[in-house]
Amino acid sequence: MAAKVVKEEERSFEPVEWGRTKNLFGPKSGGAEFLKINITEYAVGSGHRLHKHPGQEEVIFILDGEGVTLTDKGDVPVGPGSCIFVPAGEDHATFNVLKDKPLKALIIKSPPDEAK
């Protein structure tokens, strides 16, 4: 497989319960077999419920906005430049605490959902 470059604007957002997300690379969109990379925007005041991914590691890199990530170790404030690593099987959740703009994050999962 050859290297591949995509621009964020070439991908479309899809709605999710806590905002919207777009897939940059993964088994379904091409360019990656063993990981999935998404851009996710958490809507104002929104987040997702506490959950875990058995057998799947996750990295959340905050691009813009302010939020909080809940982990087994407690609540951690996050903002631009924060990088969160979530081991497989650990409970976690991320919330946007701002009232005026989305919390934007780059999300990397391995293995991708499609491969589990």
PDB file of N, CA and C in Angstrom:
ATOM      1  N   MET A   1       0.841  -1.179   0.000  1.00  0.00           N
ATOM      2  CA  MET A   1       0.000   0.000   0.000  1.00  0.00           C
ATOM      3  C   MET A   1       0.888   1.245   0.000  1.00  0.00           C
ATOM      4  N   ALA A   2       0.556   2.213  -0.789  1.00  0.00           N
ATOM      5  CA  ALA A   2       1.319   3.458  -0.896  1.00  0.00           C
ATOM      6  C   ALA A   2       0.858   4.473   0.153  1.00  0.00           C
ATOM      7  N   ALA A   3       1.729   5.433   0.439  1.00  0.00           N
ATOM      8  CA  ALA A   3       1.359   6.530   1.330  1.00  0.00           C
ATOM      9  C   ALA A   3       0.174   7.272   0.732  1.00  0.00           C
ATOM     10  N   LYS A   4      -0.650   7.842   1.583  1.00  0.00           N
ATOM     11  CA  LYS A   4      -1.861   8.525   1.127  1.00  0.00           C
ATOM     12  C   LYS A   4      -2.015   9.821   1.911  1.00  0.00           C
ATOM     13  N   VAL A   5      -2.446  10.869   1.231  1.00  0.00           N
ATOM     14  CA  VAL A   5      -2.693  12.160   1.860  1.00  0.00           C
ATOM     15  C   VAL A   5      -4.140  12.549   1.598  1.00  0.00           C
ATOM     16  N   VAL A   6      -4.849  12.940   2.649  1.00  0.00           N
ATOM     17  CA  VAL A   6      -6.188  13.507   2.490  1.00  0.00           C
ATOM     18  C   VAL A   6      -6.218  14.832   3.231  1.00  0.00           C
ATOM     19  N   LYS A   7      -7.057  15.723   2.774  1.00  0.00           N
ATOM     20  CA  LYS A   7      -7.284  16.984   3.460  1.00  0.00           C
ATOM     21  C   LYS A   7      -8.590  16.846   4.225  1.00  0.00           C
ATOM     22  N   GLU A   8      -8.608  17.418   5.418  1.00  0.00           N
ATOM     23  CA  GLU A   8      -9.800  17.300   6.260  1.00  0.00           C
ATOM     24  C   GLU A   8     -11.067  17.708   5.517  1.00  0.00           C
ATOM     25  N   GLU A   9     -10.978  18.772   4.731  1.00  0.00           N
ATOM     26  CA  GLU A   9     -12.175  19.265   4.034  1.00  0.00           C
ATOM     27  C   GLU A   9     -12.669  18.311   2.946  1.00  0.00           C
ATOM     28  N   GLU A  10     -11.868  17.324   2.577  1.00  0.00           N
ATOM     29  CA  GLU A  10     -12.295  16.332   1.582  1.00  0.00           C
ATOM     30  C   GLU A  10     -13.239  15.282   2.176  1.00  0.00           C
ATOM     31  N   ARG A  11     -13.306  15.218   3.480  1.00  0.00           N
ATOM     32  CA  ARG A  11     -14.165  14.245   4.168  1.00  0.00           C
ATOM     33  C   ARG A  11     -15.381  14.954   4.748  1.00  0.00           C
ATOM     34  N   SER A  12     -16.491  14.255   4.782  1.00  0.00           N
ATOM     35  CA  SER A  12     -17.741  14.825   5.296  1.00  0.00           C
ATOM     36  C   SER A  12     -17.989  14.386   6.733  1.00  0.00           C
ATOM     37  N   PHE A  13     -18.562  15.292   7.508  1.00  0.00           N
ATOM     38  CA  PHE A  13     -18.973  14.955   8.864  1.00  0.00           C
ATOM     39  C   PHE A  13     -20.227  14.091   8.828  1.00  0.00           C
ATOM     40  N   GLU A  14     -20.340  13.208   9.796  1.00  0.00           N
ATOM     41  CA  GLU A  14     -21.548  12.432  10.028  1.00  0.00           C
ATOM     42  C   GLU A  14     -22.006  12.747  11.444  1.00  0.00           C
ATOM     43  N   PRO A  15     -23.330  12.866  11.652  1.00  0.00           N
ATOM     44  CA  PRO A  15     -23.802  13.167  13.007  1.00  0.00           C
ATOM     45  C   PRO A  15     -23.610  11.979  13.948  1.00  0.00           C
ATOM     46  N   VAL A  16     -23.272  12.288  15.184  1.00  0.00           N
ATOM     47  CA  VAL A  16     -23.243  11.311  16.270  1.00  0.00           C
ATOM     48  C   VAL A  16     -23.995  11.943  17.440  1.00  0.00           C
ATOM     49  N   GLU A  17     -24.307  11.153  18.429  1.00  0.00           N
ATOM     50  CA  GLU A  17     -25.120  11.611  19.556  1.00  0.00           C
ATOM     51  C   GLU A  17     -24.543  12.848  20.244  1.00  0.00           C
ATOM     52  N   TRP A  18     -23.218  12.978  20.308  1.00  0.00           N
ATOM     53  CA  TRP A  18     -22.569  14.067  21.045  1.00  0.00           C
ATOM     54  C   TRP A  18     -22.026  15.172  20.135  1.00  0.00           C
ATOM     55  N   GLY A  19     -22.293  15.108  18.831  1.00  0.00           N
ATOM     56  CA  GLY A  19     -21.787  16.129  17.909  1.00  0.00           C
ATOM     57  C   GLY A  19     -21.696  15.598  16.501  1.00  0.00           C
ATOM     58  N   ARG A  20     -20.477  15.587  15.951  1.00  0.00           N
ATOM     59  CA  ARG A  20     -20.289  15.068  14.596  1.00  0.00           C
ATOM     60  C   ARG A  20     -18.857  14.559  14.446  1.00  0.00           C
ATOM     61  N   THR A  21     -18.658  13.647  13.496  1.00  0.00           N
ATOM     62  CA  THR A  21     -17.344  13.046  13.303  1.00  0.00           C
ATOM     63  C   THR A  21     -17.103  12.772  11.830  1.00  0.00           C
ATOM     64  N   LYS A  22     -15.848  12.765  11.435  1.00  0.00           N
ATOM     65  CA  LYS A  22     -15.485  12.394  10.059  1.00  0.00           C
ATOM     66  C   LYS A  22     -14.283  11.468  10.102  1.00  0.00           C
ATOM     67  N   ASN A  23     -14.299  10.462   9.254  1.00  0.00           N
ATOM     68  CA  ASN A  23     -13.215   9.488   9.201  1.00  0.00           C
ATOM     69  C   ASN A  23     -12.178   9.934   8.181  1.00  0.00           C
ATOM     70  N   LEU A  24     -10.924  10.044   8.606  1.00  0.00           N
ATOM     71  CA  LEU A  24      -9.840  10.398   7.698  1.00  0.00           C
ATOM     72  C   LEU A  24      -9.205   9.153   7.101  1.00  0.00           C
ATOM     73  N   PHE A  25      -8.900   8.177   7.959  1.00  0.00           N
ATOM     74  CA  PHE A  25      -8.314   6.916   7.501  1.00  0.00           C
ATOM     75  C   PHE A  25      -8.887   5.762   8.302  1.00  0.00           C
ATOM     76  N   GLY A  26      -8.983   4.626   7.648  1.00  0.00           N
ATOM     77  CA  GLY A  26      -9.447   3.404   8.295  1.00  0.00           C
ATOM     78  C   GLY A  26      -9.781   2.375   7.245  1.00  0.00           C
ATOM     79  N   PRO A  27     -10.172   1.187   7.652  1.00  0.00           N
ATOM     80  CA  PRO A  27     -10.482   0.129   6.685  1.00  0.00           C
ATOM     81  C   PRO A  27     -11.580   0.504   5.685  1.00  0.00           C
ATOM     82  N   LYS A  28     -12.604   1.238   6.149  1.00  0.00           N
ATOM     83  CA  LYS A  28     -13.712   1.591   5.246  1.00  0.00           C
ATOM     84  C   LYS A  28     -13.361   2.738   4.303  1.00  0.00           C
ATOM     85  N   SER A  29     -12.573   3.713   4.791  1.00  0.00           N
ATOM     86  CA  SER A  29     -12.258   4.880   3.962  1.00  0.00           C
ATOM     87  C   SER A  29     -10.959   4.719   3.189  1.00  0.00           C
ATOM     88  N   GLY A  30     -10.195   3.692   3.506  1.00  0.00           N
ATOM     89  CA  GLY A  30      -8.945   3.443   2.801  1.00  0.00           C
ATOM     90  C   GLY A  30      -7.749   4.053   3.495  1.00  0.00           C
ATOM     91  N   GLY A  31      -6.591   3.534   3.138  1.00  0.00           N
ATOM     92  CA  GLY A  31      -5.345   4.090   3.632  1.00  0.00           C
ATOM     93  C   GLY A  31      -4.838   3.517   4.937  1.00  0.00           C
ATOM     94  N   ALA A  32      -5.646   2.735   5.650  1.00  0.00           N
ATOM     95  CA  ALA A  32      -5.184   2.138   6.908  1.00  0.00           C
ATOM     96  C   ALA A  32      -5.954   0.854   7.181  1.00  0.00           C
ATOM     97  N   GLU A  33      -5.235  -0.166   7.559  1.00  0.00           N
ATOM     98  CA  GLU A  33      -5.863  -1.435   7.919  1.00  0.00           C
ATOM     99  C   GLU A  33      -5.951  -1.631   9.420  1.00  0.00           C
ATOM    100  N   PHE A  34      -4.962  -1.128  10.165  1.00  0.00           N
ATOM    101  CA  PHE A  34      -4.817  -1.486  11.567  1.00  0.00           C
ATOM    102  C   PHE A  34      -5.139  -0.357  12.538  1.00  0.00           C
ATOM    103  N   LEU A  35      -5.600   0.782  12.023  1.00  0.00           N
ATOM    104  CA  LEU A  35      -6.042   1.862  12.888  1.00  0.00           C
ATOM    105  C   LEU A  35      -7.116   2.675  12.192  1.00  0.00           C
ATOM    106  N   LYS A  36      -7.789   3.492  12.996  1.00  0.00           N
ATOM    107  CA  LYS A  36      -8.838   4.376  12.485  1.00  0.00           C
ATOM    108  C   LYS A  36      -8.538   5.773  13.016  1.00  0.00           C
ATOM    109  N   ILE A  37      -8.607   6.776  12.141  1.00  0.00           N
ATOM    110  CA  ILE A  37      -8.349   8.159  12.531  1.00  0.00           C
ATOM    111  C   ILE A  37      -9.561   9.003  12.163  1.00  0.00           C
ATOM    112  N   ASN A  38     -10.135   9.659  13.164  1.00  0.00           N
ATOM    113  CA  ASN A  38     -11.300  10.515  12.977  1.00  0.00           C
ATOM    114  C   ASN A  38     -11.007  11.918  13.490  1.00  0.00           C
ATOM    115  N   ILE A  39     -11.721  12.898  12.938  1.00  0.00           N
ATOM    116  CA  ILE A  39     -11.839  14.225  13.531  1.00  0.00           C
ATOM    117  C   ILE A  39     -13.236  14.253  14.135  1.00  0.00           C
ATOM    118  N   THR A  40     -13.317  14.557  15.420  1.00  0.00           N
ATOM    119  CA  THR A  40     -14.614  14.604  16.096  1.00  0.00           C
ATOM    120  C   THR A  40     -14.806  15.977  16.704  1.00  0.00           C
ATOM    121  N   GLU A  41     -16.011  16.515  16.545  1.00  0.00           N
ATOM    122  CA  GLU A  41     -16.390  17.765  17.195  1.00  0.00           C
ATOM    123  C   GLU A  41     -17.494  17.458  18.194  1.00  0.00           C
ATOM    124  N   TYR A  42     -17.203  17.711  19.474  1.00  0.00           N
ATOM    125  CA  TYR A  42     -18.204  17.553  20.526  1.00  0.00           C
ATOM    126  C   TYR A  42     -19.004  18.849  20.573  1.00  0.00           C
ATOM    127  N   ALA A  43     -20.324  18.752  20.432  1.00  0.00           N
ATOM    128  CA  ALA A  43     -21.186  19.929  20.414  1.00  0.00           C
ATOM    129  C   ALA A  43     -21.101  20.672  21.749  1.00  0.00           C
ATOM    130  N   VAL A  44     -21.504  21.927  21.737  1.00  0.00           N
ATOM    131  CA  VAL A  44     -21.508  22.765  22.929  1.00  0.00           C
ATOM    132  C   VAL A  44     -22.226  22.031  24.067  1.00  0.00           C
ATOM    133  N   GLY A  45     -21.552  21.896  25.197  1.00  0.00           N
ATOM    134  CA  GLY A  45     -22.145  21.265  26.371  1.00  0.00           C
ATOM    135  C   GLY A  45     -22.380  19.769  26.264  1.00  0.00           C
ATOM    136  N   SER A  46     -21.841  19.121  25.231  1.00  0.00           N
ATOM    137  CA  SER A  46     -22.114  17.695  25.009  1.00  0.00           C
ATOM    138  C   SER A  46     -20.888  16.831  25.252  1.00  0.00           C
ATOM    139  N   GLY A  47     -21.138  15.555  25.349  1.00  0.00           N
ATOM    140  CA  GLY A  47     -20.088  14.561  25.485  1.00  0.00           C
ATOM    141  C   GLY A  47     -20.707  13.188  25.352  1.00  0.00           C
ATOM    142  N   HIS A  48     -19.896  12.169  25.502  1.00  0.00           N
ATOM    143  CA  HIS A  48     -20.472  10.831  25.422  1.00  0.00           C
ATOM    144  C   HIS A  48     -20.391  10.157  26.779  1.00  0.00           C
ATOM    145  N   ARG A  49     -21.254   9.175  26.969  1.00  0.00           N
ATOM    146  CA  ARG A  49     -21.325   8.471  28.249  1.00  0.00           C
ATOM    147  C   ARG A  49     -20.032   7.709  28.524  1.00  0.00           C
ATOM    148  N   LEU A  50     -19.834   7.409  29.786  1.00  0.00           N
ATOM    149  CA  LEU A  50     -18.691   6.603  30.190  1.00  0.00           C
ATOM    150  C   LEU A  50     -18.769   5.259  29.474  1.00  0.00           C
ATOM    151  N   HIS A  51     -17.669   4.864  28.843  1.00  0.00           N
ATOM    152  CA  HIS A  51     -17.659   3.625  28.065  1.00  0.00           C
ATOM    153  C   HIS A  51     -16.240   3.076  28.005  1.00  0.00           C
ATOM    154  N   LYS A  52     -16.094   1.893  27.455  1.00  0.00           N
ATOM    155  CA  LYS A  52     -14.767   1.301  27.284  1.00  0.00           C
ATOM    156  C   LYS A  52     -14.718   0.555  25.965  1.00  0.00           C
ATOM    157  N   HIS A  53     -13.503   0.333  25.487  1.00  0.00           N
ATOM    158  CA  HIS A  53     -13.264  -0.400  24.245  1.00  0.00           C
ATOM    159  C   HIS A  53     -12.394  -1.618  24.573  1.00  0.00           C
ATOM    160  N   PRO A  54     -13.011  -2.758  24.864  1.00  0.00           N
ATOM    161  CA  PRO A  54     -12.197  -3.952  25.127  1.00  0.00           C
ATOM    162  C   PRO A  54     -11.359  -4.301  23.894  1.00  0.00           C
ATOM    163  N   GLY A  55     -10.082  -4.529  24.101  1.00  0.00           N
ATOM    164  CA  GLY A  55      -9.212  -4.912  22.992  1.00  0.00           C
ATOM    165  C   GLY A  55      -8.857  -3.788  22.036  1.00  0.00           C
ATOM    166  N   GLN A  56      -9.125  -2.530  22.424  1.00  0.00           N
ATOM    167  CA  GLN A  56      -8.843  -1.400  21.527  1.00  0.00           C
ATOM    168  C   GLN A  56      -8.257  -0.229  22.317  1.00  0.00           C
ATOM    169  N   GLU A  57      -7.080   0.248  21.896  1.00  0.00           N
ATOM    170  CA  GLU A  57      -6.480   1.437  22.492  1.00  0.00           C
ATOM    171  C   GLU A  57      -6.990   2.676  21.758  1.00  0.00           C
ATOM    172  N   GLU A  58      -6.997   3.817  22.470  1.00  0.00           N
ATOM    173  CA  GLU A  58      -7.489   5.058  21.870  1.00  0.00           C
ATOM    174  C   GLU A  58      -6.595   6.222  22.288  1.00  0.00           C
ATOM    175  N   VAL A  59      -6.328   7.100  21.335  1.00  0.00           N
ATOM    176  CA  VAL A  59      -5.623   8.351  21.597  1.00  0.00           C
ATOM    177  C   VAL A  59      -6.554   9.481  21.192  1.00  0.00           C
ATOM    178  N   ILE A  60      -6.703  10.474  22.076  1.00  0.00           N
ATOM    179  CA  ILE A  60      -7.532  11.648  21.804  1.00  0.00           C
ATOM    180  C   ILE A  60      -6.611  12.859  21.899  1.00  0.00           C
ATOM    181  N   PHE A  61      -6.433  13.573  20.785  1.00  0.00           N
ATOM    182  CA  PHE A  61      -5.590  14.767  20.758  1.00  0.00           C
ATOM    183  C   PHE A  61      -6.497  15.971  20.550  1.00  0.00           C
ATOM    184  N   ILE A  62      -6.540  16.874  21.517  1.00  0.00           N
ATOM    185  CA  ILE A  62      -7.432  18.029  21.453  1.00  0.00           C
ATOM    186  C   ILE A  62      -6.831  19.092  20.531  1.00  0.00           C
ATOM    187  N   LEU A  63      -7.604  19.457  19.516  1.00  0.00           N
ATOM    188  CA  LEU A  63      -7.182  20.466  18.543  1.00  0.00           C
ATOM    189  C   LEU A  63      -7.664  21.860  18.918  1.00  0.00           C
ATOM    190  N   ASP A  64      -8.906  21.960  19.450  1.00  0.00           N
ATOM    191  CA  ASP A  64      -9.495  23.268  19.738  1.00  0.00           C
ATOM    192  C   ASP A  64     -10.596  23.098  20.779  1.00  0.00           C
ATOM    193  N   GLY A  65     -10.788  24.130  21.593  1.00  0.00           N
ATOM    194  CA  GLY A  65     -11.845  24.106  22.594  1.00  0.00           C
ATOM    195  C   GLY A  65     -11.323  23.683  23.958  1.00  0.00           C
ATOM    196  N   GLU A  66     -12.247  23.563  24.899  1.00  0.00           N
ATOM    197  CA  GLU A  66     -11.913  23.165  26.268  1.00  0.00           C
ATOM    198  C   GLU A  66     -12.885  22.081  26.695  1.00  0.00           C
ATOM    199  N   GLY A  67     -12.376  21.121  27.443  1.00  0.00           N
ATOM    200  CA  GLY A  67     -13.238  20.037  27.882  1.00  0.00           C
ATOM    201  C   GLY A  67     -12.697  19.358  29.116  1.00  0.00           C
ATOM    202  N   VAL A  68     -13.296  18.218  29.412  1.00  0.00           N
ATOM    203  CA  VAL A  68     -12.852  17.381  30.510  1.00  0.00           C
ATOM    204  C   VAL A  68     -12.928  15.936  30.043  1.00  0.00           C
ATOM    205  N   THR A  69     -11.912  15.159  30.386  1.00  0.00           N
ATOM    206  CA  THR A  69     -11.916  13.728  30.112  1.00  0.00           C
ATOM    207  C   THR A  69     -12.018  13.004  31.443  1.00  0.00           C
ATOM    208  N   LEU A  70     -12.977  12.097  31.535  1.00  0.00           N
ATOM    209  CA  LEU A  70     -13.151  11.274  32.722  1.00  0.00           C
ATOM    210  C   LEU A  70     -12.433   9.959  32.492  1.00  0.00           C
ATOM    211  N   THR A  71     -11.595   9.565  33.440  1.00  0.00           N
ATOM    212  CA  THR A  71     -10.850   8.309  33.347  1.00  0.00           C
ATOM    213  C   THR A  71     -10.965   7.567  34.676  1.00  0.00           C
ATOM    214  N   ASP A  72     -10.382   6.398  34.740  1.00  0.00           N
ATOM    215  CA  ASP A  72     -10.337   5.645  35.995  1.00  0.00           C
ATOM    216  C   ASP A  72      -9.599   6.420  37.079  1.00  0.00           C
ATOM    217  N   LYS A  73      -8.776   7.383  36.691  1.00  0.00           N
ATOM    218  CA  LYS A  73      -7.975   8.173  37.633  1.00  0.00           C
ATOM    219  C   LYS A  73      -8.666   9.477  38.043  1.00  0.00           C
ATOM    220  N   GLY A  74      -9.849   9.776  37.482  1.00  0.00           N
ATOM    221  CA  GLY A  74     -10.572  10.991  37.817  1.00  0.00           C
ATOM    222  C   GLY A  74     -10.793  11.878  36.607  1.00  0.00           C
ATOM    223  N   ASP A  75     -11.277  13.099  36.863  1.00  0.00           N
ATOM    224  CA  ASP A  75     -11.570  14.069  35.812  1.00  0.00           C
ATOM    225  C   ASP A  75     -10.321  14.889  35.508  1.00  0.00           C
ATOM    226  N   VAL A  76     -10.022  15.037  34.209  1.00  0.00           N
ATOM    227  CA  VAL A  76      -8.832  15.771  33.789  1.00  0.00           C
ATOM    228  C   VAL A  76      -9.243  16.870  32.808  1.00  0.00           C
ATOM    229  N   PRO A  77      -8.980  18.161  33.125  1.00  0.00           N
ATOM    230  CA  PRO A  77      -9.260  19.224  32.163  1.00  0.00           C
ATOM    231  C   PRO A  77      -8.366  19.060  30.930  1.00  0.00           C
ATOM    232  N   VAL A  78      -8.937  19.310  29.748  1.00  0.00           N
ATOM    233  CA  VAL A  78      -8.179  19.199  28.498  1.00  0.00           C
ATOM    234  C   VAL A  78      -8.431  20.426  27.630  1.00  0.00           C
ATOM    235  N   GLY A  79      -7.444  20.751  26.806  1.00  0.00           N
ATOM    236  CA  GLY A  79      -7.546  21.866  25.880  1.00  0.00           C
ATOM    237  C   GLY A  79      -6.580  21.642  24.736  1.00  0.00           C
ATOM    238  N   PRO A  80      -6.422  22.623  23.852  1.00  0.00           N
ATOM    239  CA  PRO A  80      -5.550  22.463  22.692  1.00  0.00           C
ATOM    240  C   PRO A  80      -4.159  21.967  23.089  1.00  0.00           C
ATOM    241  N   GLY A  81      -3.727  20.897  22.434  1.00  0.00           N
ATOM    242  CA  GLY A  81      -2.431  20.306  22.717  1.00  0.00           C
ATOM    243  C   GLY A  81      -2.472  19.164  23.715  1.00  0.00           C
ATOM    244  N   SER A  82      -3.604  18.978  24.405  1.00  0.00           N
ATOM    245  CA  SER A  82      -3.722  17.842  25.331  1.00  0.00           C
ATOM    246  C   SER A  82      -3.810  16.555  24.531  1.00  0.00           C
ATOM    247  N   CYS A  83      -3.074  15.542  24.986  1.00  0.00           N
ATOM    248  CA  CYS A  83      -3.092  14.237  24.326  1.00  0.00           C
ATOM    249  C   CYS A  83      -3.432  13.185  25.380  1.00  0.00           C
ATOM    250  N   ILE A  84      -4.535  12.489  25.182  1.00  0.00           N
ATOM    251  CA  ILE A  84      -5.026  11.507  26.137  1.00  0.00           C
ATOM    252  C   ILE A  84      -4.831  10.117  25.549  1.00  0.00           C
ATOM    253  N   PHE A  85      -4.187   9.233  26.291  1.00  0.00           N
ATOM    254  CA  PHE A  85      -4.072   7.831  25.888  1.00  0.00           C
ATOM    255  C   PHE A  85      -4.992   7.015  26.781  1.00  0.00           C
ATOM    256  N   VAL A  86      -5.860   6.217  26.165  1.00  0.00           N
ATOM    257  CA  VAL A  86      -6.795   5.369  26.903  1.00  0.00           C
ATOM    258  C   VAL A  86      -6.449   3.909  26.608  1.00  0.00           C
ATOM    259  N   PRO A  87      -5.955   3.173  27.609  1.00  0.00           N
ATOM    260  CA  PRO A  87      -5.645   1.761  27.385  1.00  0.00           C
ATOM    261  C   PRO A  87      -6.904   0.959  27.062  1.00  0.00           C
ATOM    262  N   ALA A  88      -6.732  -0.140  26.390  1.00  0.00           N
ATOM    263  CA  ALA A  88      -7.854  -1.025  26.066  1.00  0.00           C
ATOM    264  C   ALA A  88      -8.576  -1.419  27.352  1.00  0.00           C
ATOM    265  N   GLY A  89      -9.902  -1.320  27.317  1.00  0.00           N
ATOM    266  CA  GLY A  89     -10.722  -1.759  28.435  1.00  0.00           C
ATOM    267  C   GLY A  89     -10.900  -0.766  29.561  1.00  0.00           C
ATOM    268  N   GLU A  90     -10.309   0.439  29.472  1.00  0.00           N
ATOM    269  CA  GLU A  90     -10.455   1.433  30.544  1.00  0.00           C
ATOM    270  C   GLU A  90     -11.673   2.312  30.294  1.00  0.00           C
ATOM    271  N   ASP A  91     -12.498   2.513  31.342  1.00  0.00           N
ATOM    272  CA  ASP A  91     -13.640   3.426  31.246  1.00  0.00           C
ATOM    273  C   ASP A  91     -13.132   4.839  30.983  1.00  0.00           C
ATOM    274  N   HIS A  92     -13.836   5.567  30.112  1.00  0.00           N
ATOM    275  CA  HIS A  92     -13.482   6.953  29.824  1.00  0.00           C
ATOM    276  C   HIS A  92     -14.661   7.659  29.160  1.00  0.00           C
ATOM    277  N   ALA A  93     -14.630   8.976  29.175  1.00  0.00           N
ATOM    278  CA  ALA A  93     -15.615   9.820  28.495  1.00  0.00           C
ATOM    279  C   ALA A  93     -14.983  11.193  28.314  1.00  0.00           C
ATOM    280  N   THR A  94     -15.426  11.919  27.296  1.00  0.00           N
ATOM    281  CA  THR A  94     -14.927  13.271  27.045  1.00  0.00           C
ATOM    282  C   THR A  94     -16.123  14.198  26.867  1.00  0.00           C
ATOM    283  N   PHE A  95     -16.050  15.392  27.468  1.00  0.00           N
ATOM    284  CA  PHE A  95     -17.138  16.359  27.410  1.00  0.00           C
ATOM    285  C   PHE A  95     -16.609  17.735  27.025  1.00  0.00           C
ATOM    286  N   ASN A  96     -17.417  18.473  26.277  1.00  0.00           N
ATOM    287  CA  ASN A  96     -17.145  19.870  25.942  1.00  0.00           C
ATOM    288  C   ASN A  96     -17.737  20.721  27.056  1.00  0.00           C
ATOM    289  N   VAL A  97     -16.934  21.542  27.698  1.00  0.00           N
ATOM    290  CA  VAL A  97     -17.433  22.381  28.783  1.00  0.00           C
ATOM    291  C   VAL A  97     -17.756  23.805  28.326  1.00  0.00           C
ATOM    292  N   LEU A  98     -17.474  24.128  27.070  1.00  0.00           N
ATOM    293  CA  LEU A  98     -17.724  25.484  26.575  1.00  0.00           C
ATOM    294  C   LEU A  98     -19.177  25.666  26.148  1.00  0.00           C
ATOM    295  N   LYS A  99     -19.627  26.914  26.209  1.00  0.00           N
ATOM    296  CA  LYS A  99     -20.996  27.234  25.819  1.00  0.00           C
ATOM    297  C   LYS A  99     -21.069  27.943  24.469  1.00  0.00           C
ATOM    298  N   ASP A 100     -19.885  28.143  23.817  1.00  0.00           N
ATOM    299  CA  ASP A 100     -19.906  28.929  22.590  1.00  0.00           C
ATOM    300  C   ASP A 100     -19.207  28.294  21.387  1.00  0.00           C
ATOM    301  N   LYS A 101     -18.540  27.139  21.564  1.00  0.00           N
ATOM    302  CA  LYS A 101     -17.907  26.507  20.403  1.00  0.00           C
ATOM    303  C   LYS A 101     -17.658  25.030  20.677  1.00  0.00           C
ATOM    304  N   PRO A 102     -17.522  24.245  19.608  1.00  0.00           N
ATOM    305  CA  PRO A 102     -17.285  22.811  19.800  1.00  0.00           C
ATOM    306  C   PRO A 102     -15.884  22.524  20.340  1.00  0.00           C
ATOM    307  N   LEU A 103     -15.757  21.348  20.916  1.00  0.00           N
ATOM    308  CA  LEU A 103     -14.465  20.790  21.308  1.00  0.00           C
ATOM    309  C   LEU A 103     -14.041  19.898  20.157  1.00  0.00           C
ATOM    310  N   LYS A 104     -12.916  20.195  19.526  1.00  0.00           N
ATOM    311  CA  LYS A 104     -12.470  19.467  18.335  1.00  0.00           C
ATOM    312  C   LYS A 104     -11.274  18.592  18.683  1.00  0.00           C
ATOM    313  N   ALA A 105     -11.353  17.317  18.283  1.00  0.00           N
ATOM    314  CA  ALA A 105     -10.294  16.369  18.629  1.00  0.00           C
ATOM    315  C   ALA A 105      -9.968  15.450  17.463  1.00  0.00           C
ATOM    316  N   LEU A 106      -8.713  15.041  17.415  1.00  0.00           N
ATOM    317  CA  LEU A 106      -8.263  13.990  16.509  1.00  0.00           C
ATOM    318  C   LEU A 106      -8.277  12.705  17.331  1.00  0.00           C
ATOM    319  N   ILE A 107      -8.982  11.688  16.842  1.00  0.00           N
ATOM    320  CA  ILE A 107      -9.150  10.434  17.580  1.00  0.00           C
ATOM    321  C   ILE A 107      -8.516   9.301  16.783  1.00  0.00           C
ATOM    322  N   ILE A 108      -7.661   8.538  17.441  1.00  0.00           N
ATOM    323  CA  ILE A 108      -6.998   7.397  16.804  1.00  0.00           C
ATOM    324  C   ILE A 108      -7.332   6.149  17.613  1.00  0.00           C
ATOM    325  N   LYS A 109      -7.827   5.119  16.935  1.00  0.00           N
ATOM    326  CA  LYS A 109      -8.155   3.852  17.594  1.00  0.00           C
ATOM    327  C   LYS A 109      -7.425   2.718  16.893  1.00  0.00           C
ATOM    328  N   SER A 110      -6.922   1.789  17.718  1.00  0.00           N
ATOM    329  CA  SER A 110      -6.257   0.616  17.157  1.00  0.00           C
ATOM    330  C   SER A 110      -6.522  -0.596  18.048  1.00  0.00           C
ATOM    331  N   PRO A 111      -7.002  -1.673  17.473  1.00  0.00           N
ATOM    332  CA  PRO A 111      -7.377  -1.817  16.071  1.00  0.00           C
ATOM    333  C   PRO A 111      -8.645  -1.015  15.789  1.00  0.00           C
ATOM    334  N   PRO A 112      -8.935  -0.738  14.522  1.00  0.00           N
ATOM    335  CA  PRO A 112     -10.140   0.013  14.181  1.00  0.00           C
ATOM    336  C   PRO A 112     -11.394  -0.774  14.542  1.00  0.00           C
ATOM    337  N   ASP A 113     -12.507  -0.056  14.767  1.00  0.00           N
ATOM    338  CA  ASP A 113     -13.783  -0.703  15.092  1.00  0.00           C
ATOM    339  C   ASP A 113     -14.127  -1.786  14.085  1.00  0.00           C
ATOM    340  N   GLU A 114     -13.864  -1.512  12.821  1.00  0.00           N
ATOM    341  CA  GLU A 114     -14.241  -2.423  11.746  1.00  0.00           C
ATOM    342  C   GLU A 114     -13.498  -3.755  11.822  1.00  0.00           C
ATOM    343  N   ALA A 115     -12.343  -3.769  12.503  1.00  0.00           N
ATOM    344  CA  ALA A 115     -11.524  -4.980  12.553  1.00  0.00           C
ATOM    345  C   ALA A 115     -11.817  -5.833  13.783  1.00  0.00           C
ATOM    346  N   LYS A 116     -12.557  -5.284  14.747  1.00  0.00           N
ATOM    347  CA  LYS A 116     -12.802  -6.009  15.997  1.00  0.00           C
ATOM    348  C   LYS A 116     -13.825  -7.099  15.815  1.00  0.00           C
TER     349      LYS A 116
END
